[in-house]
């Protein structure tokens, strides 16, 4: 098991076709909102502030499943204690490799990395003429 570099670990372990679809959706968003004007860009930038990235989604789901497993293990059957153990293994795998089984599902659903969301934000600001610091590429 190789330890992945942090910046691109999720994209490196995502099917290239899924990465391509996510990039194309980002580019389509930028074109759509840029054509609609500065107010639409501002609206989209606000939406991006609330978009959950894959890290947040994984952490929230892992915590929820762990708590459910602990509760069921305590009050229903001890076998449920396996659920938080499995979830912890997935989190460790994700932290080291950038991949675990839920990542594939979430990426197919179009869930983006923080960098991908920041990149759309940067492109929209560039179209609006309000450039800040460009996100670091990986």
C-alpha atoms as a PDB file:
ATOM      1  CA  UNK A   1       0.000   0.000   0.000  1.00  0.00           C
ATOM      2  CA  UNK A   2       1.611   3.241  -1.155  1.00  0.00           C
ATOM      3  CA  UNK A   3       0.976   6.506   0.632  1.00  0.00           C
ATOM      4  CA  UNK A   4      -0.498   8.945  -1.877  1.00  0.00           C
ATOM      5  CA  UNK A   5       0.461  12.587  -2.203  1.00  0.00           C
ATOM      6  CA  UNK A   6      -2.114  14.735  -0.459  1.00  0.00           C
ATOM      7  CA  UNK A   7      -3.070  17.232  -3.135  1.00  0.00           C
ATOM      8  CA  UNK A   8      -4.307  14.824  -5.784  1.00  0.00           C
ATOM      9  CA  UNK A   9      -4.913  11.586  -3.917  1.00  0.00           C
ATOM     10  CA  UNK A  10      -8.643  11.412  -4.608  1.00  0.00           C
ATOM     11  CA  UNK A  11      -8.357  12.288  -8.301  1.00  0.00           C
ATOM     12  CA  UNK A  12      -5.457   9.845  -8.710  1.00  0.00           C
ATOM     13  CA  UNK A  13      -7.686   7.031  -7.450  1.00  0.00           C
ATOM     14  CA  UNK A  14     -10.788   8.031  -9.413  1.00  0.00           C
ATOM     15  CA  UNK A  15     -11.633   6.581 -12.802  1.00  0.00           C
ATOM     16  CA  UNK A  16     -10.263   9.041 -15.409  1.00  0.00           C
ATOM     17  CA  UNK A  17     -13.683   9.156 -17.096  1.00  0.00           C
ATOM     18  CA  UNK A  18     -15.313  10.296 -13.837  1.00  0.00           C
ATOM     19  CA  UNK A  19     -12.610  12.965 -13.379  1.00  0.00           C
ATOM     20  CA  UNK A  20     -13.292  14.105 -16.943  1.00  0.00           C
ATOM     21  CA  UNK A  21     -17.049  14.318 -16.298  1.00  0.00           C
ATOM     22  CA  UNK A  22     -16.467  16.367 -13.150  1.00  0.00           C
ATOM     23  CA  UNK A  23     -14.122  18.754 -15.024  1.00  0.00           C
ATOM     24  CA  UNK A  24     -16.626  19.115 -17.873  1.00  0.00           C
ATOM     25  CA  UNK A  25     -19.437  19.905 -15.421  1.00  0.00           C
ATOM     26  CA  UNK A  26     -17.239  22.557 -13.795  1.00  0.00           C
ATOM     27  CA  UNK A  27     -16.463  24.103 -17.181  1.00  0.00           C
ATOM     28  CA  UNK A  28     -20.154  24.047 -18.143  1.00  0.00           C
ATOM     29  CA  UNK A  29     -21.033  25.781 -14.855  1.00  0.00           C
ATOM     30  CA  UNK A  30     -18.456  28.484 -15.492  1.00  0.00           C
ATOM     31  CA  UNK A  31     -19.738  29.099 -19.037  1.00  0.00           C
ATOM     32  CA  UNK A  32     -23.374  29.135 -17.941  1.00  0.00           C
ATOM     33  CA  UNK A  33     -22.893  31.595 -15.089  1.00  0.00           C
ATOM     34  CA  UNK A  34     -20.432  33.772 -17.010  1.00  0.00           C
ATOM     35  CA  UNK A  35     -22.976  34.218 -19.805  1.00  0.00           C
ATOM     36  CA  UNK A  36     -25.645  35.127 -17.271  1.00  0.00           C
ATOM     37  CA  UNK A  37     -23.569  37.992 -15.866  1.00  0.00           C
ATOM     38  CA  UNK A  38     -21.924  39.192 -12.657  1.00  0.00           C
ATOM     39  CA  UNK A  39     -25.011  38.729 -10.477  1.00  0.00           C
ATOM     40  CA  UNK A  40     -25.289  35.094 -11.545  1.00  0.00           C
ATOM     41  CA  UNK A  41     -21.597  34.595 -10.840  1.00  0.00           C
ATOM     42  CA  UNK A  42     -22.071  36.043  -7.353  1.00  0.00           C
ATOM     43  CA  UNK A  43     -24.999  33.681  -6.799  1.00  0.00           C
ATOM     44  CA  UNK A  44     -22.913  30.698  -7.923  1.00  0.00           C
ATOM     45  CA  UNK A  45     -20.017  31.752  -5.682  1.00  0.00           C
ATOM     46  CA  UNK A  46     -22.449  31.743  -2.749  1.00  0.00           C
ATOM     47  CA  UNK A  47     -23.612  28.246  -3.737  1.00  0.00           C
ATOM     48  CA  UNK A  48     -20.008  27.061  -3.840  1.00  0.00           C
ATOM     49  CA  UNK A  49     -19.525  28.279  -0.250  1.00  0.00           C
ATOM     50  CA  UNK A  50     -22.135  25.703   0.800  1.00  0.00           C
ATOM     51  CA  UNK A  51     -21.076  22.794  -1.427  1.00  0.00           C
ATOM     52  CA  UNK A  52     -19.864  19.811   0.548  1.00  0.00           C
ATOM     53  CA  UNK A  53     -16.567  18.416  -0.695  1.00  0.00           C
ATOM     54  CA  UNK A  54     -15.712  14.729  -0.618  1.00  0.00           C
ATOM     55  CA  UNK A  55     -13.661  15.033   2.577  1.00  0.00           C
ATOM     56  CA  UNK A  56     -16.547  16.559   4.530  1.00  0.00           C
ATOM     57  CA  UNK A  57     -19.006  14.031   3.140  1.00  0.00           C
ATOM     58  CA  UNK A  58     -16.744  11.087   4.028  1.00  0.00           C
ATOM     59  CA  UNK A  59     -16.084  12.399   7.526  1.00  0.00           C
ATOM     60  CA  UNK A  60     -19.766  13.034   8.232  1.00  0.00           C
ATOM     61  CA  UNK A  61     -20.888   9.670   6.911  1.00  0.00           C
ATOM     62  CA  UNK A  62     -18.113   7.849   8.761  1.00  0.00           C
ATOM     63  CA  UNK A  63     -18.972   9.542  12.042  1.00  0.00           C
ATOM     64  CA  UNK A  64     -22.681   8.814  11.577  1.00  0.00           C
ATOM     65  CA  UNK A  65     -22.111   5.133  10.773  1.00  0.00           C
ATOM     66  CA  UNK A  66     -19.683   4.790  13.686  1.00  0.00           C
ATOM     67  CA  UNK A  67     -22.169   6.262  16.141  1.00  0.00           C
ATOM     68  CA  UNK A  68     -24.955   4.060  14.787  1.00  0.00           C
ATOM     69  CA  UNK A  69     -22.713   0.999  15.094  1.00  0.00           C
ATOM     70  CA  UNK A  70     -21.745   1.912  18.655  1.00  0.00           C
ATOM     71  CA  UNK A  71     -25.375   2.426  19.622  1.00  0.00           C
ATOM     72  CA  UNK A  72     -26.522  -0.815  18.023  1.00  0.00           C
ATOM     73  CA  UNK A  73     -23.573  -2.668  19.534  1.00  0.00           C
ATOM     74  CA  UNK A  74     -24.416  -1.349  22.977  1.00  0.00           C
ATOM     75  CA  UNK A  75     -28.183  -1.823  22.922  1.00  0.00           C
ATOM     76  CA  UNK A  76     -28.938  -4.498  20.303  1.00  0.00           C
ATOM     77  CA  UNK A  77     -26.103  -6.925  19.576  1.00  0.00           C
ATOM     78  CA  UNK A  78     -22.345  -6.787  20.100  1.00  0.00           C
ATOM     79  CA  UNK A  79     -21.779  -7.822  16.482  1.00  0.00           C
ATOM     80  CA  UNK A  80     -22.675  -4.247  15.480  1.00  0.00           C
ATOM     81  CA  UNK A  81     -19.343  -3.114  16.963  1.00  0.00           C
ATOM     82  CA  UNK A  82     -17.837  -4.402  13.700  1.00  0.00           C
ATOM     83  CA  UNK A  83     -19.420  -1.464  11.841  1.00  0.00           C
ATOM     84  CA  UNK A  84     -17.320   1.286  13.487  1.00  0.00           C
ATOM     85  CA  UNK A  85     -14.223  -0.907  13.075  1.00  0.00           C
ATOM     86  CA  UNK A  86     -14.864  -1.234   9.336  1.00  0.00           C
ATOM     87  CA  UNK A  87     -15.546   2.496   9.014  1.00  0.00           C
ATOM     88  CA  UNK A  88     -12.304   3.309  10.862  1.00  0.00           C
ATOM     89  CA  UNK A  89     -10.432   1.047   8.442  1.00  0.00           C
ATOM     90  CA  UNK A  90     -11.967   2.867   5.492  1.00  0.00           C
ATOM     91  CA  UNK A  91     -10.967   6.233   6.950  1.00  0.00           C
ATOM     92  CA  UNK A  92      -7.421   5.054   7.510  1.00  0.00           C
ATOM     93  CA  UNK A  93      -7.247   3.722   3.958  1.00  0.00           C
ATOM     94  CA  UNK A  94      -8.601   7.009   2.609  1.00  0.00           C
ATOM     95  CA  UNK A  95      -6.161   9.044   4.667  1.00  0.00           C
ATOM     96  CA  UNK A  96      -3.176   7.067   3.437  1.00  0.00           C
ATOM     97  CA  UNK A  97      -4.169   6.245  -0.131  1.00  0.00           C
ATOM     98  CA  UNK A  98      -6.887   8.734  -1.015  1.00  0.00           C
ATOM     99  CA  UNK A  99      -9.258   5.912  -1.779  1.00  0.00           C
ATOM    100  CA  UNK A 100     -11.788   3.776   0.033  1.00  0.00           C
ATOM    101  CA  UNK A 101     -14.991   2.143  -1.273  1.00  0.00           C
ATOM    102  CA  UNK A 102     -17.299   5.111  -0.556  1.00  0.00           C
ATOM    103  CA  UNK A 103     -15.040   7.434  -2.594  1.00  0.00           C
ATOM    104  CA  UNK A 104     -15.928   5.607  -5.809  1.00  0.00           C
ATOM    105  CA  UNK A 105     -19.631   5.977  -5.085  1.00  0.00           C
ATOM    106  CA  UNK A 106     -19.391   9.657  -4.143  1.00  0.00           C
ATOM    107  CA  UNK A 107     -17.214  10.515  -7.153  1.00  0.00           C
ATOM    108  CA  UNK A 108     -19.713   8.829  -9.501  1.00  0.00           C
ATOM    109  CA  UNK A 109     -22.340  11.063  -7.879  1.00  0.00           C
ATOM    110  CA  UNK A 110     -20.201  14.070  -8.858  1.00  0.00           C
ATOM    111  CA  UNK A 111     -18.908  14.953  -5.390  1.00  0.00           C
ATOM    112  CA  UNK A 112     -15.816  17.103  -5.828  1.00  0.00           C
ATOM    113  CA  UNK A 113     -12.606  17.619  -3.936  1.00  0.00           C
ATOM    114  CA  UNK A 114     -11.923  20.933  -2.173  1.00  0.00           C
ATOM    115  CA  UNK A 115      -9.450  21.774  -4.943  1.00  0.00           C
ATOM    116  CA  UNK A 116     -12.054  21.166  -7.667  1.00  0.00           C
ATOM    117  CA  UNK A 117     -14.525  23.456  -5.918  1.00  0.00           C
ATOM    118  CA  UNK A 118     -11.837  26.127  -5.432  1.00  0.00           C
ATOM    119  CA  UNK A 119     -10.918  25.853  -9.100  1.00  0.00           C
ATOM    120  CA  UNK A 120     -14.493  26.618 -10.180  1.00  0.00           C
ATOM    121  CA  UNK A 121     -14.511  29.555  -7.755  1.00  0.00           C
ATOM    122  CA  UNK A 122     -11.259  30.854  -9.281  1.00  0.00           C
ATOM    123  CA  UNK A 123     -12.540  30.506 -12.865  1.00  0.00           C
ATOM    124  CA  UNK A 124     -15.758  32.344 -12.014  1.00  0.00           C
ATOM    125  CA  UNK A 125     -13.864  35.167 -10.329  1.00  0.00           C
ATOM    126  CA  UNK A 126     -11.555  35.381 -13.345  1.00  0.00           C
ATOM    127  CA  UNK A 127     -14.564  35.733 -15.638  1.00  0.00           C
ATOM    128  CA  UNK A 128     -15.912  38.443 -13.388  1.00  0.00           C
ATOM    129  CA  UNK A 129     -12.535  40.224 -13.265  1.00  0.00           C
ATOM    130  CA  UNK A 130     -12.200  39.692  -9.538  1.00  0.00           C
ATOM    131  CA  UNK A 131      -9.103  37.507  -9.468  1.00  0.00           C
ATOM    132  CA  UNK A 132      -7.646  36.402  -6.227  1.00  0.00           C
ATOM    133  CA  UNK A 133      -4.934  33.891  -5.663  1.00  0.00           C
ATOM    134  CA  UNK A 134      -5.021  30.982  -8.110  1.00  0.00           C
ATOM    135  CA  UNK A 135      -5.575  27.585  -6.446  1.00  0.00           C
ATOM    136  CA  UNK A 136      -2.471  25.442  -6.335  1.00  0.00           C
ATOM    137  CA  UNK A 137      -2.427  22.818  -9.059  1.00  0.00           C
ATOM    138  CA  UNK A 138      -1.390  19.263  -8.475  1.00  0.00           C
END
